[in-house]
Amino acid sequence: MRKKFLSLLFPSASARAVRQFAPVFACCSILGLFAGCATEPESHTLSAPPPPTPTRAMTTTTTTTTPVVTTTPAVVVGNTAYVTTSTPVVSTTVVTQAPPALQQEVVLAQPSPQHVWIPGFWTWRNNQYEWMAGHWELPPNSGSVWVAPRWEQQGNAYKFYEGYWN
């Protein structure tokens, strides 16, 4: 045993040992490579099912115009006054899905003879129709008339016109 150990310490002996064990190292390496391939876990491919086809395409277009304030001089019996007029804010919504039928509402008691009932209507918010409940409201002027909001069909789309006081 001591003789073998001493022979490994000397260069000629170590070179001979490397030559003797080289085929053994090569065989073990090849066996280890093949053993690694054999122990590879099975592969499973999982995928989610495809999303359902959309039932109806929705396109929403909203444009808003800001009020235009104009000041015009007016003559009031020897006095010059300025009258300010403005156009209401107008928002246009176009949707490809028809609005639902109007809902039945219970009209509550009129708070005063000046109040006007504003009926409920469907509006478009967050990519869906939303019901806006009817309510009593005071007109801005004594002669004002409420023009109700409405949906109008234009081809395959529906355009919403907001209500306003006229």
C-alpha atoms as a PDB file:
ATOM      1  CA  MET A   1       0.000   0.000   0.000  1.00  0.00           C
ATOM      2  CA  ARG A   2       2.795   2.355   0.899  1.00  0.00           C
ATOM      3  CA  LYS A   3       4.498   1.559  -2.354  1.00  0.00           C
ATOM      4  CA  LYS A   4       1.408   2.513  -4.379  1.00  0.00           C
ATOM      5  CA  PHE A   5       1.066   5.785  -2.481  1.00  0.00           C
ATOM      6  CA  LEU A   6       4.689   6.702  -3.123  1.00  0.00           C
ATOM      7  CA  SER A   7       4.389   5.842  -6.759  1.00  0.00           C
ATOM      8  CA  LEU A   8       1.501   8.305  -7.089  1.00  0.00           C
ATOM      9  CA  LEU A   9       3.659  11.092  -5.663  1.00  0.00           C
ATOM     10  CA  PHE A  10       6.296  10.806  -8.351  1.00  0.00           C
ATOM     11  CA  PRO A  11       5.524  12.217 -11.839  1.00  0.00           C
ATOM     12  CA  SER A  12       6.137   9.041 -13.753  1.00  0.00           C
ATOM     13  CA  ALA A  13       3.876   7.085 -11.428  1.00  0.00           C
ATOM     14  CA  SER A  14       1.070   9.695 -11.518  1.00  0.00           C
ATOM     15  CA  ALA A  15       1.117   9.825 -15.300  1.00  0.00           C
ATOM     16  CA  ARG A  16       0.753   6.071 -15.399  1.00  0.00           C
ATOM     17  CA  ALA A  17      -2.173   6.215 -12.887  1.00  0.00           C
ATOM     18  CA  VAL A  18      -3.955   8.852 -14.980  1.00  0.00           C
ATOM     19  CA  ARG A  19      -3.589   6.663 -18.069  1.00  0.00           C
ATOM     20  CA  GLN A  20      -4.990   3.702 -16.191  1.00  0.00           C
ATOM     21  CA  PHE A  21      -8.026   5.535 -14.765  1.00  0.00           C
ATOM     22  CA  ALA A  22      -8.846   7.699 -17.844  1.00  0.00           C
ATOM     23  CA  PRO A  23     -11.106   5.063 -19.441  1.00  0.00           C
ATOM     24  CA  VAL A  24     -12.902   4.603 -16.091  1.00  0.00           C
ATOM     25  CA  PHE A  25     -13.517   8.384 -15.751  1.00  0.00           C
ATOM     26  CA  ALA A  26     -14.772   8.569 -19.334  1.00  0.00           C
ATOM     27  CA  CYS A  27     -17.218   5.678 -18.812  1.00  0.00           C
ATOM     28  CA  CYS A  28     -18.510   7.177 -15.559  1.00  0.00           C
ATOM     29  CA  SER A  29     -19.006  10.569 -17.217  1.00  0.00           C
ATOM     30  CA  ILE A  30     -21.008   9.065 -20.096  1.00  0.00           C
ATOM     31  CA  LEU A  31     -23.102   6.990 -17.668  1.00  0.00           C
ATOM     32  CA  GLY A  32     -23.763  10.121 -15.543  1.00  0.00           C
ATOM     33  CA  LEU A  33     -24.854  12.038 -18.645  1.00  0.00           C
ATOM     34  CA  PHE A  34     -27.286   9.326 -19.705  1.00  0.00           C
ATOM     35  CA  ALA A  35     -28.525   8.905 -16.125  1.00  0.00           C
ATOM     36  CA  GLY A  36     -29.314  12.634 -15.959  1.00  0.00           C
ATOM     37  CA  CYS A  37     -31.420  12.383 -19.104  1.00  0.00           C
ATOM     38  CA  ALA A  38     -33.312   9.416 -17.755  1.00  0.00           C
ATOM     39  CA  THR A  39     -34.256  11.199 -14.508  1.00  0.00           C
ATOM     40  CA  GLU A  40     -35.581  14.386 -16.172  1.00  0.00           C
ATOM     41  CA  PRO A  41     -39.140  15.047 -14.971  1.00  0.00           C
ATOM     42  CA  GLU A  42     -42.007  14.629 -17.363  1.00  0.00           C
ATOM     43  CA  SER A  43     -43.017  17.831 -19.012  1.00  0.00           C
ATOM     44  CA  HIS A  44     -46.648  18.952 -18.950  1.00  0.00           C
ATOM     45  CA  THR A  45     -47.878  21.744 -21.157  1.00  0.00           C
ATOM     46  CA  LEU A  46     -50.818  23.601 -19.663  1.00  0.00           C
ATOM     47  CA  SER A  47     -52.624  26.421 -21.353  1.00  0.00           C
ATOM     48  CA  ALA A  48     -55.797  28.353 -20.666  1.00  0.00           C
ATOM     49  CA  PRO A  49     -58.721  27.858 -23.000  1.00  0.00           C
ATOM     50  CA  PRO A  50     -59.151  30.575 -25.598  1.00  0.00           C
ATOM     51  CA  PRO A  51     -61.328  33.524 -24.553  1.00  0.00           C
ATOM     52  CA  PRO A  52     -64.940  33.436 -25.737  1.00  0.00           C
ATOM     53  CA  THR A  53     -65.763  35.362 -28.866  1.00  0.00           C
ATOM     54  CA  PRO A  54     -67.322  38.741 -28.117  1.00  0.00           C
ATOM     55  CA  THR A  55     -71.091  38.770 -28.455  1.00  0.00           C
ATOM     56  CA  ARG A  56     -71.198  42.336 -29.684  1.00  0.00           C
ATOM     57  CA  ALA A  57     -68.546  44.941 -30.381  1.00  0.00           C
ATOM     58  CA  MET A  58     -68.913  48.155 -28.403  1.00  0.00           C
ATOM     59  CA  THR A  59     -67.536  51.444 -29.519  1.00  0.00           C
ATOM     60  CA  THR A  60     -67.885  54.505 -27.391  1.00  0.00           C
ATOM     61  CA  THR A  61     -67.064  57.966 -28.573  1.00  0.00           C
ATOM     62  CA  THR A  62     -67.456  60.873 -26.231  1.00  0.00           C
ATOM     63  CA  THR A  63     -66.853  64.477 -27.164  1.00  0.00           C
ATOM     64  CA  THR A  64     -67.405  67.459 -24.943  1.00  0.00           C
ATOM     65  CA  THR A  65     -67.712  71.084 -25.918  1.00  0.00           C
ATOM     66  CA  THR A  66     -67.095  73.735 -23.293  1.00  0.00           C
ATOM     67  CA  PRO A  67     -69.492  76.602 -22.736  1.00  0.00           C
ATOM     68  CA  VAL A  68     -68.936  79.750 -24.754  1.00  0.00           C
ATOM     69  CA  VAL A  69     -69.590  82.918 -22.802  1.00  0.00           C
ATOM     70  CA  THR A  70     -70.371  86.049 -24.796  1.00  0.00           C
ATOM     71  CA  THR A  71     -70.973  89.513 -23.439  1.00  0.00           C
ATOM     72  CA  THR A  72     -73.123  91.920 -25.448  1.00  0.00           C
ATOM     73  CA  PRO A  73     -74.064  95.497 -24.578  1.00  0.00           C
ATOM     74  CA  ALA A  74     -77.721  96.205 -23.905  1.00  0.00           C
ATOM     75  CA  VAL A  75     -79.403  99.577 -23.501  1.00  0.00           C
ATOM     76  CA  VAL A  76     -81.745  99.888 -20.548  1.00  0.00           C
ATOM     77  CA  VAL A  77     -83.499 103.316 -20.383  1.00  0.00           C
ATOM     78  CA  GLY A  78     -80.507 105.608 -20.374  1.00  0.00           C
ATOM     79  CA  ASN A  79     -78.251 103.032 -18.780  1.00  0.00           C
ATOM     80  CA  THR A  80     -75.841 100.673 -20.526  1.00  0.00           C
ATOM     81  CA  ALA A  81     -75.789  97.144 -19.077  1.00  0.00           C
ATOM     82  CA  TYR A  82     -74.042  94.001 -20.229  1.00  0.00           C
ATOM     83  CA  VAL A  83     -75.921  90.736 -20.678  1.00  0.00           C
ATOM     84  CA  THR A  84     -73.938  87.508 -20.379  1.00  0.00           C
ATOM     85  CA  THR A  85     -75.197  84.488 -22.330  1.00  0.00           C
ATOM     86  CA  SER A  86     -73.668  81.048 -22.459  1.00  0.00           C
ATOM     87  CA  THR A  87     -74.314  77.838 -24.349  1.00  0.00           C
ATOM     88  CA  PRO A  88     -74.648  74.689 -22.214  1.00  0.00           C
ATOM     89  CA  VAL A  89     -71.918  72.053 -22.012  1.00  0.00           C
ATOM     90  CA  VAL A  90     -72.737  69.417 -24.622  1.00  0.00           C
ATOM     91  CA  SER A  91     -71.441  65.850 -24.468  1.00  0.00           C
ATOM     92  CA  THR A  92     -72.013  63.326 -27.242  1.00  0.00           C
ATOM     93  CA  THR A  93     -71.827  59.572 -26.672  1.00  0.00           C
ATOM     94  CA  VAL A  94     -72.093  56.992 -29.473  1.00  0.00           C
ATOM     95  CA  VAL A  95     -72.551  53.294 -28.584  1.00  0.00           C
ATOM     96  CA  THR A  96     -73.111  50.218 -30.799  1.00  0.00           C
ATOM     97  CA  GLN A  97     -75.419  48.527 -28.267  1.00  0.00           C
ATOM     98  CA  ALA A  98     -79.081  49.567 -28.087  1.00  0.00           C
ATOM     99  CA  PRO A  99     -80.184  51.129 -24.780  1.00  0.00           C
ATOM    100  CA  PRO A 100     -82.505  49.089 -22.546  1.00  0.00           C
ATOM    101  CA  ALA A 101     -86.189  49.970 -22.234  1.00  0.00           C
ATOM    102  CA  LEU A 102     -87.046  52.798 -19.847  1.00  0.00           C
ATOM    103  CA  GLN A 103     -87.795  51.723 -16.282  1.00  0.00           C
ATOM    104  CA  GLN A 104     -91.065  52.368 -14.477  1.00  0.00           C
ATOM    105  CA  GLU A 105     -90.633  54.992 -11.756  1.00  0.00           C
ATOM    106  CA  VAL A 106     -92.688  56.126  -8.818  1.00  0.00           C
ATOM    107  CA  VAL A 107     -93.074  59.919  -8.941  1.00  0.00           C
ATOM    108  CA  LEU A 108     -92.684  61.276  -5.440  1.00  0.00           C
ATOM    109  CA  ALA A 109     -94.728  64.174  -4.076  1.00  0.00           C
ATOM    110  CA  GLN A 110     -93.899  67.540  -5.659  1.00  0.00           C
ATOM    111  CA  PRO A 111     -91.863  69.610  -3.154  1.00  0.00           C
ATOM    112  CA  SER A 112     -93.299  72.909  -4.410  1.00  0.00           C
ATOM    113  CA  PRO A 113     -95.382  74.175  -7.349  1.00  0.00           C
ATOM    114  CA  GLN A 114     -92.174  75.506  -8.977  1.00  0.00           C
ATOM    115  CA  HIS A 115     -90.438  72.102  -9.079  1.00  0.00           C
ATOM    116  CA  VAL A 116     -90.425  70.137 -12.356  1.00  0.00           C
ATOM    117  CA  TRP A 117     -90.203  66.335 -12.566  1.00  0.00           C
ATOM    118  CA  ILE A 118     -87.123  65.192 -14.508  1.00  0.00           C
ATOM    119  CA  PRO A 119     -87.837  61.576 -15.593  1.00  0.00           C
ATOM    120  CA  GLY A 120     -85.172  58.866 -15.333  1.00  0.00           C
ATOM    121  CA  PHE A 121     -83.087  57.810 -18.333  1.00  0.00           C
ATOM    122  CA  TRP A 122     -80.303  55.459 -19.407  1.00  0.00           C
ATOM    123  CA  THR A 123     -76.804  56.915 -19.702  1.00  0.00           C
ATOM    124  CA  TRP A 124     -73.483  55.294 -20.698  1.00  0.00           C
ATOM    125  CA  ARG A 125     -70.807  55.007 -17.983  1.00  0.00           C
ATOM    126  CA  ASN A 126     -67.876  52.624 -17.481  1.00  0.00           C
ATOM    127  CA  ASN A 127     -68.637  50.765 -20.740  1.00  0.00           C
ATOM    128  CA  GLN A 128     -72.211  49.906 -19.750  1.00  0.00           C
ATOM    129  CA  TYR A 129     -75.647  51.430 -19.483  1.00  0.00           C
ATOM    130  CA  GLU A 130     -76.517  52.972 -16.121  1.00  0.00           C
ATOM    131  CA  TRP A 131     -79.976  54.102 -15.011  1.00  0.00           C
ATOM    132  CA  MET A 132     -80.265  57.687 -13.775  1.00  0.00           C
ATOM    133  CA  ALA A 133     -83.332  57.909 -11.532  1.00  0.00           C
ATOM    134  CA  GLY A 134     -85.933  60.621 -11.994  1.00  0.00           C
ATOM    135  CA  HIS A 135     -86.078  63.533  -9.551  1.00  0.00           C
ATOM    136  CA  TRP A 136     -87.691  66.907  -8.871  1.00  0.00           C
ATOM    137  CA  GLU A 137     -85.672  69.965  -9.868  1.00  0.00           C
ATOM    138  CA  LEU A 138     -86.132  73.723  -9.790  1.00  0.00           C
ATOM    139  CA  PRO A 139     -85.807  75.344 -13.253  1.00  0.00           C
ATOM    140  CA  PRO A 140     -83.053  77.972 -13.607  1.00  0.00           C
ATOM    141  CA  ASN A 141     -85.651  80.545 -14.764  1.00  0.00           C
ATOM    142  CA  SER A 142     -89.402  80.792 -14.363  1.00  0.00           C
ATOM    143  CA  GLY A 143     -90.056  80.220 -18.098  1.00  0.00           C
ATOM    144  CA  SER A 144     -87.535  77.389 -18.579  1.00  0.00           C
ATOM    145  CA  VAL A 145     -88.689  74.107 -20.094  1.00  0.00           C
ATOM    146  CA  TRP A 146     -86.852  70.772 -19.618  1.00  0.00           C
ATOM    147  CA  VAL A 147     -85.780  69.043 -22.837  1.00  0.00           C
ATOM    148  CA  ALA A 148     -85.373  65.366 -21.909  1.00  0.00           C
ATOM    149  CA  PRO A 149     -82.235  63.382 -22.811  1.00  0.00           C
ATOM    150  CA  ARG A 150     -82.658  60.895 -25.638  1.00  0.00           C
ATOM    151  CA  TRP A 151     -80.965  58.133 -27.622  1.00  0.00           C
ATOM    152  CA  GLU A 152     -81.197  58.255 -31.431  1.00  0.00           C
ATOM    153  CA  GLN A 153     -80.247  55.376 -33.704  1.00  0.00           C
ATOM    154  CA  GLN A 154     -77.786  56.294 -36.461  1.00  0.00           C
ATOM    155  CA  GLY A 155     -77.098  53.244 -38.635  1.00  0.00           C
ATOM    156  CA  ASN A 156     -75.711  50.514 -36.341  1.00  0.00           C
ATOM    157  CA  ALA A 157     -74.925  52.970 -33.552  1.00  0.00           C
ATOM    158  CA  TYR A 158     -76.909  54.884 -30.940  1.00  0.00           C
ATOM    159  CA  LYS A 159     -76.142  58.521 -30.190  1.00  0.00           C
ATOM    160  CA  PHE A 160     -77.001  60.067 -26.819  1.00  0.00           C
ATOM    161  CA  TYR A 161     -78.185  63.657 -26.475  1.00  0.00           C
ATOM    162  CA  GLU A 162     -78.109  65.048 -22.939  1.00  0.00           C
ATOM    163  CA  GLY A 163     -81.125  66.782 -21.435  1.00  0.00           C
ATOM    164  CA  TYR A 164     -81.067  70.545 -20.853  1.00  0.00           C
ATOM    165  CA  TRP A 165     -83.137  73.518 -19.775  1.00  0.00           C
ATOM    166  CA  ASN A 166     -84.431  75.605 -22.691  1.00  0.00           C
END
